[in-house]
Protein backbone atom coordinates (compact mmCIF):
# COMPACT_ATOMS: atom_id res chain seq x y z
CA UNK A 1 -73.36 -35.25 -11.64
CA UNK A 2 -71.56 -32.47 -9.75
CA UNK A 3 -73.17 -29.62 -7.92
CA UNK A 4 -72.59 -26.23 -9.52
CA UNK A 5 -70.49 -25.04 -6.57
CA UNK A 6 -68.01 -27.89 -7.08
CA UNK A 7 -66.96 -26.69 -10.54
CA UNK A 8 -64.46 -24.03 -11.55
CA UNK A 9 -65.06 -21.69 -14.46
CA UNK A 10 -62.74 -23.72 -16.67
CA UNK A 11 -64.60 -26.96 -15.84
CA UNK A 12 -67.96 -25.35 -16.60
CA UNK A 13 -66.78 -23.83 -19.88
CA UNK A 14 -65.09 -27.09 -20.94
CA UNK A 15 -68.17 -29.14 -20.02
CA UNK A 16 -70.50 -26.87 -21.98
CA UNK A 17 -68.16 -26.89 -25.00
CA UNK A 18 -67.86 -30.71 -24.89
CA UNK A 19 -71.60 -31.25 -24.46
CA UNK A 20 -71.21 -32.91 -21.07
CA UNK A 21 -74.01 -30.60 -19.95
CA UNK A 22 -75.72 -27.65 -21.57
CA UNK A 23 -75.43 -23.97 -20.66
CA UNK A 24 -79.16 -24.09 -19.92
CA UNK A 25 -78.62 -26.86 -17.37
CA UNK A 26 -75.87 -24.80 -15.73
CA UNK A 27 -78.13 -21.76 -15.69
CA UNK A 28 -80.98 -23.63 -14.02
CA UNK A 29 -78.55 -25.07 -11.47
CA UNK A 30 -77.19 -21.60 -10.64
CA UNK A 31 -80.66 -20.08 -10.35
CA UNK A 32 -81.71 -22.96 -8.13
CA UNK A 33 -78.66 -22.39 -5.92
CA UNK A 34 -79.59 -18.71 -5.59
CA UNK A 35 -83.18 -19.63 -4.72
CA UNK A 36 -82.07 -22.13 -2.07
CA UNK A 37 -79.25 -20.11 -0.52
CA UNK A 38 -79.84 -16.40 -0.89
CA UNK A 39 -82.69 -16.29 1.61
CA UNK A 40 -79.99 -16.74 4.28
CA UNK A 41 -77.42 -14.37 2.74
CA UNK A 42 -79.30 -11.62 0.87
CA UNK A 43 -76.40 -11.18 -1.54
CA UNK A 44 -78.66 -10.26 -4.48
CA UNK A 45 -80.77 -7.18 -5.08
CA UNK A 46 -82.09 -8.48 -8.41
CA UNK A 47 -82.09 -11.86 -10.17
CA UNK A 48 -82.06 -11.57 -13.97
CA UNK A 49 -83.74 -14.92 -14.66
CA UNK A 50 -84.89 -14.31 -18.23
CA UNK A 51 -81.65 -12.63 -19.27
CA UNK A 52 -79.54 -15.51 -17.93
CA UNK A 53 -81.71 -18.17 -19.57
CA UNK A 54 -81.77 -16.31 -22.89
CA UNK A 55 -77.97 -16.15 -22.84
CA UNK A 56 -77.76 -19.86 -22.01
CA UNK A 57 -80.11 -20.75 -24.88
CA UNK A 58 -77.97 -18.66 -27.26
CA UNK A 59 -74.86 -20.56 -26.18
CA UNK A 60 -76.53 -23.93 -26.66
CA UNK A 61 -77.72 -22.94 -30.13
CA UNK A 62 -74.22 -21.73 -31.02
CA UNK A 63 -72.69 -25.01 -29.90
CA UNK A 64 -75.26 -27.01 -31.87
CA UNK A 65 -74.33 -24.97 -34.95
CA UNK A 66 -70.66 -25.86 -34.49
CA UNK A 67 -69.56 -22.41 -33.39
CA UNK A 68 -66.59 -21.91 -31.06
CA UNK A 69 -67.78 -20.82 -27.63
CA UNK A 70 -66.18 -18.14 -25.46
CA UNK A 71 -63.77 -18.93 -22.61
CA UNK A 72 -66.47 -18.29 -19.98
CA UNK A 73 -69.25 -20.17 -21.80
CA UNK A 74 -71.98 -21.06 -19.31
CA UNK A 75 -70.18 -19.63 -16.26
CA UNK A 76 -72.64 -18.01 -13.78
CA UNK A 77 -71.59 -14.44 -12.95
CA UNK A 78 -73.04 -11.70 -10.74
CA UNK A 79 -72.44 -7.96 -10.99
CA UNK A 80 -72.23 -5.33 -8.26
CA UNK A 81 -75.22 -3.04 -8.47
CA UNK A 82 -73.21 0.02 -9.49
CA UNK A 83 -72.62 -1.59 -12.93
CA UNK A 84 -75.14 -0.88 -15.65
CA UNK A 85 -76.71 -3.89 -17.34
CA UNK A 86 -79.40 -3.06 -19.87
CA UNK A 87 -82.59 -4.88 -18.98
CA UNK A 88 -81.89 -4.66 -15.26
CA UNK A 89 -81.90 -1.94 -12.61
CA UNK A 90 -78.86 -0.11 -11.32
CA UNK A 91 -79.58 1.27 -7.85
CA UNK A 92 -76.18 1.53 -6.11
CA UNK A 93 -78.21 0.17 -3.14
CA UNK A 94 -79.65 3.66 -2.63
CA UNK A 95 -83.13 5.10 -2.34
CA UNK A 96 -81.83 7.80 -4.68
CA UNK A 97 -81.76 5.30 -7.59
CA UNK A 98 -84.51 2.90 -6.50
CA UNK A 99 -86.09 1.40 -9.64
CA UNK A 100 -83.62 3.10 -12.01
CA UNK A 101 -83.49 1.26 -15.36
CA UNK A 102 -79.98 0.71 -16.74
CA UNK A 103 -79.86 2.75 -19.96
CA UNK A 104 -76.96 0.73 -21.39
CA UNK A 105 -74.46 -1.97 -20.42
CA UNK A 106 -71.10 -1.25 -18.78
CA UNK A 107 -68.04 -2.34 -20.74
CA UNK A 108 -66.86 -4.70 -17.97
CA UNK A 109 -70.27 -6.41 -17.93
CA UNK A 110 -70.44 -6.57 -21.72
CA UNK A 111 -67.01 -8.19 -21.95
CA UNK A 112 -67.94 -10.88 -19.43
CA UNK A 113 -71.17 -11.68 -21.26
CA UNK A 114 -69.40 -11.62 -24.65
CA UNK A 115 -66.99 -14.22 -23.24
CA UNK A 116 -69.99 -16.49 -22.58
CA UNK A 117 -70.84 -15.68 -18.96
CA UNK A 118 -74.42 -16.03 -17.75
CA UNK A 119 -75.65 -12.78 -16.08
CA UNK A 120 -77.36 -14.15 -12.97
CA UNK A 121 -78.11 -10.82 -11.30
CA UNK A 122 -77.06 -7.68 -9.45
CA UNK A 123 -75.53 -7.86 -5.98
CA UNK A 124 -76.00 -5.77 -2.87
CA UNK A 125 -73.43 -3.19 -1.80
CA UNK A 126 -72.89 -0.32 0.59
CA UNK A 127 -74.83 2.67 -0.71
CA UNK A 128 -72.86 4.23 -3.58
CA UNK A 129 -69.92 2.09 -2.33
CA UNK A 130 -69.62 4.14 0.88
CA UNK A 131 -68.87 1.55 3.55
CA UNK A 132 -66.95 -1.54 4.56
CA UNK A 133 -69.69 -3.92 5.70
CA UNK A 134 -72.62 -3.81 3.21
CA UNK A 135 -74.74 -2.48 6.07
CA UNK A 136 -75.37 0.96 4.55
CA UNK A 137 -77.51 -0.45 1.72
CA UNK A 138 -80.97 1.11 1.62
CA UNK A 139 -82.59 -2.23 0.78
CA UNK A 140 -81.07 -4.98 2.93
CA UNK A 141 -78.04 -6.11 4.88
CA UNK A 142 -76.02 -8.92 3.34
CA UNK A 143 -74.76 -11.64 5.69
CA UNK A 144 -71.48 -13.52 5.68
CA UNK A 145 -72.01 -17.14 4.50
CA UNK A 146 -69.39 -18.41 6.97
CA UNK A 147 -71.37 -17.00 9.89
CA UNK A 148 -74.60 -15.21 9.06
CA UNK A 149 -74.33 -13.17 12.27
CA UNK A 150 -71.33 -11.40 10.76
CA UNK A 151 -70.84 -8.92 7.94
CA UNK A 152 -69.41 -9.92 4.53
CA UNK A 153 -67.29 -6.77 4.30
CA UNK A 154 -67.83 -4.02 1.80
CA UNK A 155 -68.56 -2.22 -0.23
CA UNK A 156 -68.73 -5.19 -2.64
CA UNK A 157 -70.05 -7.51 0.06
CA UNK A 158 -72.88 -8.91 -2.04
CA UNK A 159 -70.51 -10.08 -4.76
CA UNK A 160 -68.12 -11.68 -2.27
CA UNK A 161 -70.95 -13.40 -0.39
CA UNK A 162 -72.53 -14.72 -3.60
CA UNK A 163 -69.26 -16.46 -4.54
CA UNK A 164 -68.61 -17.72 -1.00
CA UNK A 165 -72.13 -19.16 -0.79
CA UNK A 166 -71.69 -21.00 -4.10
CA UNK A 167 -74.48 -19.04 -5.79
CA UNK A 168 -72.24 -17.97 -8.68
CA UNK A 169 -68.79 -18.98 -9.87
CA UNK A 170 -67.55 -15.44 -10.53
CA UNK A 171 -68.66 -11.95 -9.55
CA UNK A 172 -67.50 -8.42 -10.29
CA UNK A 173 -66.98 -5.70 -7.75
CA UNK A 174 -65.43 -2.27 -7.63
CA UNK A 175 -62.56 -1.20 -5.38
CA UNK A 176 -61.94 2.42 -4.36
CA UNK A 177 -60.12 1.80 -1.09
CA UNK A 178 -60.34 -1.96 -0.56
CA UNK A 179 -63.92 -2.76 -1.55
CA UNK A 180 -62.97 -5.95 -3.41
CA UNK A 181 -60.09 -7.20 -1.29
CA UNK A 182 -61.59 -6.66 2.17
CA UNK A 183 -64.89 -8.52 1.50
CA UNK A 184 -62.90 -11.23 -0.32
CA UNK A 185 -60.88 -11.65 2.87
CA UNK A 186 -63.95 -11.70 5.11
CA UNK A 187 -65.69 -14.27 2.89
CA UNK A 188 -62.67 -16.50 2.17
CA UNK A 189 -62.52 -16.03 -1.61
CA UNK A 190 -59.99 -14.55 -4.03
CA UNK A 191 -60.57 -10.88 -4.86
CA UNK A 192 -58.43 -8.82 -7.22
CA UNK A 193 -58.07 -5.07 -7.70
CA UNK A 194 -56.27 -4.70 -11.03
CA UNK A 195 -53.96 -1.83 -11.87
CA UNK A 196 -55.81 1.46 -12.33
CA UNK A 197 -56.72 1.64 -16.01
CA UNK A 198 -56.43 -2.09 -16.73
CA UNK A 199 -60.23 -2.55 -16.75
CA UNK A 200 -62.70 -0.10 -18.27
CA UNK A 201 -65.04 1.68 -15.86
CA UNK A 202 -67.43 2.92 -18.55
CA UNK A 203 -70.95 2.31 -17.29
CA UNK A 204 -69.90 1.95 -13.64
CA UNK A 205 -71.35 4.61 -11.34
CA UNK A 206 -68.38 6.63 -10.09
CA UNK A 207 -67.36 7.12 -6.47
CA UNK A 208 -63.74 8.36 -6.66
CA UNK A 209 -62.69 8.70 -10.27
CA UNK A 210 -58.94 8.64 -9.60
CA UNK A 211 -59.27 5.63 -7.27
CA UNK A 212 -62.05 3.35 -8.61
CA UNK A 213 -61.19 0.08 -10.31
CA UNK A 214 -63.31 -2.91 -11.36
CA UNK A 215 -62.13 -6.43 -10.56
CA UNK A 216 -63.25 -10.06 -10.14
CA UNK A 217 -64.06 -12.41 -7.27
CA UNK A 218 -63.59 -16.18 -7.57
CA UNK A 219 -62.99 -19.17 -5.34
CA UNK A 220 -59.61 -19.86 -6.94
CA UNK A 221 -56.88 -17.85 -8.63
CA UNK A 222 -57.44 -19.52 -12.00
CA UNK A 223 -61.07 -18.34 -12.04
CA UNK A 224 -59.91 -14.79 -11.36
CA UNK A 225 -57.31 -15.06 -14.15
CA UNK A 226 -59.98 -16.20 -16.61
CA UNK A 227 -62.20 -13.32 -15.61
CA UNK A 228 -59.30 -10.90 -16.08
CA UNK A 229 -58.76 -12.18 -19.63
CA UNK A 230 -62.37 -11.30 -20.39
CA UNK A 231 -62.23 -7.94 -18.62
CA UNK A 232 -59.14 -6.61 -20.38
CA UNK A 233 -60.71 -7.79 -23.64
CA UNK A 234 -59.33 -6.91 -27.05
CA UNK A 235 -57.70 -3.67 -25.87
CA UNK A 236 -58.40 -0.29 -24.32
CA UNK A 237 -61.96 0.96 -24.22
CA UNK A 238 -62.34 4.24 -26.16
CA UNK A 239 -65.33 5.06 -23.92
CA UNK A 240 -63.06 5.32 -20.84
CA UNK A 241 -60.18 7.77 -21.17
CA UNK A 242 -58.27 6.03 -18.35
CA UNK A 243 -58.52 2.59 -19.99
CA UNK A 244 -55.24 1.09 -21.17
CA UNK A 245 -54.33 -1.73 -23.52
CA UNK A 246 -53.26 -4.80 -21.52
CA UNK A 247 -52.06 -7.30 -24.15
CA UNK A 248 -51.40 -10.26 -21.85
CA UNK A 249 -52.92 -13.68 -21.24
CA UNK A 250 -53.37 -14.01 -17.49
CA UNK A 251 -53.40 -17.80 -17.74
CA UNK A 252 -50.21 -18.12 -19.77
CA UNK A 253 -47.72 -17.92 -16.87
CA UNK A 254 -50.11 -18.63 -14.02
CA UNK A 255 -48.28 -21.76 -12.84
CA UNK A 256 -44.75 -20.43 -13.33
CA UNK A 257 -42.47 -21.04 -10.35
CA UNK A 258 -41.61 -18.13 -8.06
CA UNK A 259 -38.19 -19.58 -7.34
CA UNK A 260 -35.55 -16.87 -7.45
CA UNK A 261 -38.07 -14.04 -7.10
CA UNK A 262 -38.20 -11.64 -4.20
CA UNK A 263 -41.12 -10.84 -1.90
CA UNK A 264 -41.03 -7.76 0.28
CA UNK A 265 -42.66 -7.58 3.71
CA UNK A 266 -43.41 -4.21 5.27
CA UNK A 267 -42.44 -4.91 8.86
CA UNK A 268 -44.11 -1.83 10.31
CA UNK A 269 -47.50 -3.02 9.06
CA UNK A 270 -47.17 -6.30 10.95
CA UNK A 271 -46.73 -4.32 14.16
CA UNK A 272 -49.62 -1.95 13.43
CA UNK A 273 -52.02 -1.13 16.25
CA UNK A 274 -55.22 -3.16 16.01
CA UNK A 275 -53.77 -5.99 13.92
CA UNK A 276 -55.15 -9.26 15.25
CA UNK A 277 -52.91 -12.16 16.17
CA UNK A 278 -54.55 -14.49 13.64
CA UNK A 279 -54.01 -12.05 10.75
CA UNK A 280 -50.35 -11.66 11.75
CA UNK A 281 -50.09 -15.45 11.87
CA UNK A 282 -51.55 -15.68 8.36
CA UNK A 283 -48.93 -13.26 7.05
CA UNK A 284 -46.17 -15.33 8.65
CA UNK A 285 -47.58 -18.53 7.16
CA UNK A 286 -47.76 -16.92 3.72
CA UNK A 287 -44.13 -15.84 3.96
CA UNK A 288 -43.05 -19.34 4.88
CA UNK A 289 -45.10 -20.85 2.04
CA UNK A 290 -43.57 -18.55 -0.57
CA UNK A 291 -40.11 -19.12 0.89
CA UNK A 292 -40.66 -22.89 0.65
CA UNK A 293 -41.65 -22.32 -3.00
CA UNK A 294 -38.24 -20.74 -3.62
CA UNK A 295 -38.92 -17.05 -3.18
CA UNK A 296 -36.68 -14.83 -1.09
CA UNK A 297 -38.35 -12.82 1.67
CA UNK A 298 -36.85 -9.41 2.46
CA UNK A 299 -37.88 -6.50 4.67
CA UNK A 300 -38.88 -3.28 2.95
CA UNK A 301 -40.42 -0.03 4.11
CA UNK A 302 -43.08 2.28 2.74
CA UNK A 303 -42.21 5.33 4.84
CA UNK A 304 -45.32 7.34 4.06
CA UNK A 305 -47.90 4.54 4.07
CA UNK A 306 -49.44 5.82 7.31
CA UNK A 307 -50.51 8.91 5.36
CA UNK A 308 -52.49 6.83 2.85
CA UNK A 309 -55.70 6.64 4.88
CA UNK A 310 -55.55 10.39 5.59
CA UNK A 311 -55.04 11.18 1.91
CA UNK A 312 -57.83 8.81 0.92
CA UNK A 313 -60.39 10.40 3.22
CA UNK A 314 -59.63 13.74 1.60
CA UNK A 315 -59.41 12.71 -2.06
CA UNK A 316 -62.28 10.19 -1.92
CA UNK A 317 -64.93 12.50 -0.40
CA UNK A 318 -63.89 15.37 -2.68
CA UNK A 319 -64.34 13.20 -5.77
CA UNK A 320 -67.55 11.70 -4.38
CA UNK A 321 -68.98 15.18 -3.80
CA UNK A 322 -68.29 16.04 -7.43
CA UNK A 323 -69.57 12.74 -8.85
CA UNK A 324 -72.79 12.62 -6.84
CA UNK A 325 -73.78 16.23 -7.51
CA UNK A 326 -75.72 15.00 -10.56
CA UNK A 327 -78.21 13.14 -8.38
CA UNK A 328 -80.58 16.02 -7.71
CA UNK A 329 -84.03 14.56 -8.36
CA UNK A 330 -84.28 16.40 -11.66
CA UNK A 331 -81.69 14.81 -13.93
CA UNK A 332 -81.39 11.59 -11.95
CA UNK A 333 -82.75 10.01 -8.85
CA UNK A 334 -85.39 10.27 -6.18
CA UNK A 335 -87.65 13.33 -6.44
CA UNK A 336 -89.41 14.80 -3.43
CA UNK A 337 -92.95 15.84 -4.28
CA UNK A 338 -94.92 18.99 -3.33
CA UNK A 339 -91.98 21.15 -2.32
CA UNK A 340 -92.82 24.47 -3.92
CA UNK A 341 -89.59 25.92 -5.29
CA UNK A 342 -87.07 24.00 -7.38
CA UNK A 343 -84.31 24.77 -4.87
CA UNK A 344 -86.33 23.32 -2.00
CA UNK A 345 -87.27 20.28 -4.08
CA UNK A 346 -83.62 19.61 -4.94
CA UNK A 347 -82.54 20.05 -1.33
CA UNK A 348 -85.18 17.69 0.05
CA UNK A 349 -84.68 15.14 -2.75
CA UNK A 350 -81.00 14.85 -1.84
CA UNK A 351 -81.68 14.93 1.90
CA UNK A 352 -84.21 12.09 1.70
CA UNK A 353 -82.73 10.19 -1.25
CA UNK A 354 -79.27 9.63 0.25
CA UNK A 355 -78.53 7.61 3.37
CA UNK A 356 -76.47 8.78 6.34
CA UNK A 357 -73.05 7.65 5.14
CA UNK A 358 -73.58 9.00 1.62
CA UNK A 359 -74.52 12.39 3.05
CA UNK A 360 -71.59 12.33 5.47
CA UNK A 361 -69.05 11.80 2.71
CA UNK A 362 -70.55 14.42 0.41
CA UNK A 363 -70.65 17.00 3.20
CA UNK A 364 -67.05 16.22 4.02
CA UNK A 365 -66.10 16.62 0.36
CA UNK A 366 -67.97 19.94 0.14
CA UNK A 367 -66.06 21.24 3.16
CA UNK A 368 -62.67 20.05 1.90
CA UNK A 369 -63.20 21.79 -1.44
CA UNK A 370 -64.33 25.05 0.10
CA UNK A 371 -62.37 28.28 -0.04
CA UNK A 372 -59.59 28.44 2.53
CA UNK A 373 -59.66 24.68 3.14
CA UNK A 374 -58.85 23.32 -0.32
CA UNK A 375 -55.20 24.43 -0.34
CA UNK A 376 -54.52 23.09 3.11
CA UNK A 377 -56.11 19.65 2.85
CA UNK A 378 -56.74 18.67 -0.76
CA UNK A 379 -53.37 19.85 -2.06
CA UNK A 380 -51.72 18.24 0.95
CA UNK A 381 -53.43 14.94 0.14
CA UNK A 382 -52.14 15.11 -3.43
CA UNK A 383 -48.62 15.70 -2.11
CA UNK A 384 -48.96 12.66 0.16
CA UNK A 385 -50.16 10.66 -2.83
CA UNK A 386 -46.98 11.56 -4.72
CA UNK A 387 -44.79 10.50 -1.80
CA UNK A 388 -46.63 7.18 -1.43
CA UNK A 389 -46.19 6.51 -5.15
CA UNK A 390 -42.46 7.16 -4.84
CA UNK A 391 -42.24 4.81 -1.86
CA UNK A 392 -43.84 2.04 -3.90
CA UNK A 393 -41.51 2.70 -6.84
CA UNK A 394 -38.52 2.44 -4.53
CA UNK A 395 -39.80 -0.78 -2.95
CA UNK A 396 -40.53 -2.37 -6.31
CA UNK A 397 -37.01 -1.54 -7.49
CA UNK A 398 -35.88 -4.08 -4.89
CA UNK A 399 -38.64 -6.72 -4.91
CA UNK A 400 -41.02 -8.38 -7.36
CA UNK A 401 -43.99 -8.48 -4.99
CA UNK A 402 -45.15 -7.10 -1.65
CA UNK A 403 -46.99 -9.10 1.02
CA UNK A 404 -49.14 -7.46 3.72
CA UNK A 405 -52.42 -7.90 5.59
CA UNK A 406 -55.75 -7.24 3.91
CA UNK A 407 -57.75 -6.20 6.96
CA UNK A 408 -56.74 -5.81 10.62
CA UNK A 409 -59.13 -8.57 11.72
CA UNK A 410 -61.64 -11.14 10.51
CA UNK A 411 -65.27 -10.24 9.84
CA UNK A 412 -67.01 -8.53 12.73
CA UNK A 413 -70.56 -9.10 13.92
CA UNK A 414 -73.39 -7.17 12.29
CA UNK A 415 -74.00 -3.92 14.16
CA UNK A 416 -70.75 -4.23 16.09
CA UNK A 417 -68.93 -1.39 14.33
CA UNK A 418 -71.02 1.57 15.46
CA UNK A 419 -68.22 4.13 15.16
CA UNK A 420 -67.72 5.36 11.58
CA UNK A 421 -64.04 6.08 12.25
CA UNK A 422 -63.41 2.49 13.29
CA UNK A 423 -65.15 1.34 10.12
CA UNK A 424 -62.87 3.56 8.05
CA UNK A 425 -59.79 2.09 9.74
CA UNK A 426 -60.73 -1.39 8.50
CA UNK A 427 -59.30 -0.27 5.12
CA UNK A 428 -55.93 0.71 6.62
CA UNK A 429 -53.95 -1.87 4.64
CA UNK A 430 -55.78 -1.69 1.32
CA UNK A 431 -56.02 2.04 0.61
CA UNK A 432 -52.38 2.58 -0.35
CA UNK A 433 -52.79 0.41 -3.46
CA UNK A 434 -55.61 2.65 -4.70
CA UNK A 435 -53.59 5.76 -3.90
CA UNK A 436 -50.60 4.41 -5.89
CA UNK A 437 -52.70 2.69 -8.58
CA UNK A 438 -50.87 -0.65 -8.60
CA UNK A 439 -52.48 -4.09 -8.71
CA UNK A 440 -53.28 -6.14 -5.61
CA UNK A 441 -55.09 -9.34 -4.69
CA UNK A 442 -56.54 -10.94 -1.56
CA UNK A 443 -55.65 -14.63 -1.17
CA UNK A 444 -57.39 -16.88 1.43
CA UNK A 445 -55.19 -18.40 4.13
CA UNK A 446 -57.80 -20.58 5.84
CA UNK A 447 -59.65 -19.94 9.10
CA UNK A 448 -58.32 -17.92 12.00
CA UNK A 449 -57.72 -19.79 15.26
CA UNK A 450 -59.53 -17.19 17.37
CA UNK A 451 -62.51 -16.17 15.24
CA UNK A 452 -63.02 -19.36 13.23
CA UNK A 453 -63.55 -17.06 10.24
CA UNK A 454 -61.60 -16.70 6.99
CA UNK A 455 -58.41 -14.66 7.05
CA UNK A 456 -56.36 -13.66 4.01
CA UNK A 457 -53.18 -11.91 2.95
CA UNK A 458 -52.68 -9.27 0.31
CA UNK A 459 -50.14 -9.39 -2.50
CA UNK A 460 -49.17 -6.31 -4.53
CA UNK A 461 -47.05 -5.84 -7.65
CA UNK A 462 -46.05 -2.79 -9.73
CA UNK A 463 -48.58 -1.19 -12.05
CA UNK A 464 -49.45 -3.36 -15.07
CA UNK A 465 -47.63 -6.36 -13.61
CA UNK A 466 -50.96 -7.98 -12.79
CA UNK A 467 -50.03 -11.22 -14.51
CA UNK A 468 -47.04 -11.53 -12.17
CA UNK A 469 -49.38 -10.74 -9.28
CA UNK A 470 -51.54 -13.74 -10.12
CA UNK A 471 -48.48 -15.96 -10.52
CA UNK A 472 -47.53 -15.21 -6.91
CA UNK A 473 -51.14 -15.66 -5.81
CA UNK A 474 -51.29 -19.03 -7.53
CA UNK A 475 -48.04 -20.14 -5.89
CA UNK A 476 -49.47 -19.25 -2.49
CA UNK A 477 -52.74 -20.98 -3.30
CA UNK A 478 -50.89 -24.18 -4.25
CA UNK A 479 -49.34 -24.17 -0.79
CA UNK A 480 -52.42 -23.41 1.32
CA UNK A 481 -55.40 -24.42 -0.84
CA UNK A 482 -58.06 -22.51 -2.73
CA UNK A 483 -61.04 -20.76 -1.20
CA UNK A 484 -64.09 -22.89 -0.48
CA UNK A 485 -67.85 -22.59 -0.41
CA UNK A 486 -68.97 -21.82 3.14
CA UNK A 487 -69.85 -25.15 4.82
CA UNK A 488 -73.46 -24.28 5.57
CA UNK A 489 -74.16 -23.59 1.89
CA UNK A 490 -72.20 -26.25 -0.02
CA UNK A 491 -74.48 -28.58 -1.93
CA UNK A 492 -77.72 -26.73 -1.15
CA UNK A 493 -79.50 -26.62 -4.51
CA UNK A 494 -77.69 -26.20 -7.78
CA UNK A 495 -77.30 -29.80 -8.89
CA UNK A 496 -76.49 -30.49 -12.54
CA UNK A 497 -77.94 -33.99 -12.24
């Protein structure tokens, strides 16, 4: 019988429903794959063995009783460790929350489990999602399954690596400035940032409240579409005021042709400083593939897109400073002992509980919100955000979809990116989608000729046109092939035999 990493989510769910294999067998295969593979990747911070097996047993009992199973029945799923899951810990990969018990379950997690998914565990991340390499985690550094000397990207690097290593079929991440799409590109899997508001963020620890969005990773576009059906659920979540009703089936038009549709290419981005030759080649190949599929490729401009990264590193730190103020060692988080006064205890708890990057961003946010600075920088960033939104609206009045790079280069070596500014610039091409709030997806384009590592392209569509986004992604995938399990990990453990 097949290895777990050879099956898509639809094949697993159909096999469990038909009785070809049980959910318990799938669960044991997934847990075995994690045991055999994660020692080389360190994608997981916590494995929820008992929870996954209990869910699998429930599914098998439901099938035996003749009940209809959910669309993700028996599908192994991992969750980024900023998502609450009752019965597990939620640490945000920080000393500040080490050992913190999830008090409840996030809506996005609940909807995946309600659809039949098996909760395999919580994945590593950059601390509080501050980073682009999963190297700022307090607990461990996750490695890229395609080359364990390299980073998996970030901040959702653990989720991307778990899918790329074949440990789980699906994983959830969060994306504030590229934290799903960039690691998806580095690890050669599909990663989607839905439109802001399409997926509830209730129960997800906030970084930038006007930028954060939850989305799925999978090795193929169909898996991501199935996950999206579960995530949007029956309608808006009353526990998240930004949540919207998205009454679409993401599978319904997945294989529609793109013939007669228009794809815009932002020429200035393809000439951007620091863009590698192999990424530029991937963008050209994607254009040709969509053109061969019948789409029309046209040049468009986003005149203010260069301001996106500047606006992001004002808005993001300001919102992070506000959101992380609650972690003071009294209400939440690490508490320094024997400090004397409450003020000194709070100061030392935050100083020792947060890592370097988390402190850097909060200090930056505190400065940007200070008197005499706020009007100059924060209000200016909001003005830039408005202009970027208008640019997107103008572009989408002419085209159905935009195509651009995901990251300037393939995954770098661990420890190579010592300069924080250079790390920030790795999100150059992804941030504008968070600023504007529209949907975007990273689609694998194979291995780069120079690095031998996965490279991807990014597709974007107007807000709440995420179904169209996946139609374009599927058309591109048909032309170039789906993402694959990293060669060194395929078949290691996880047999359903």
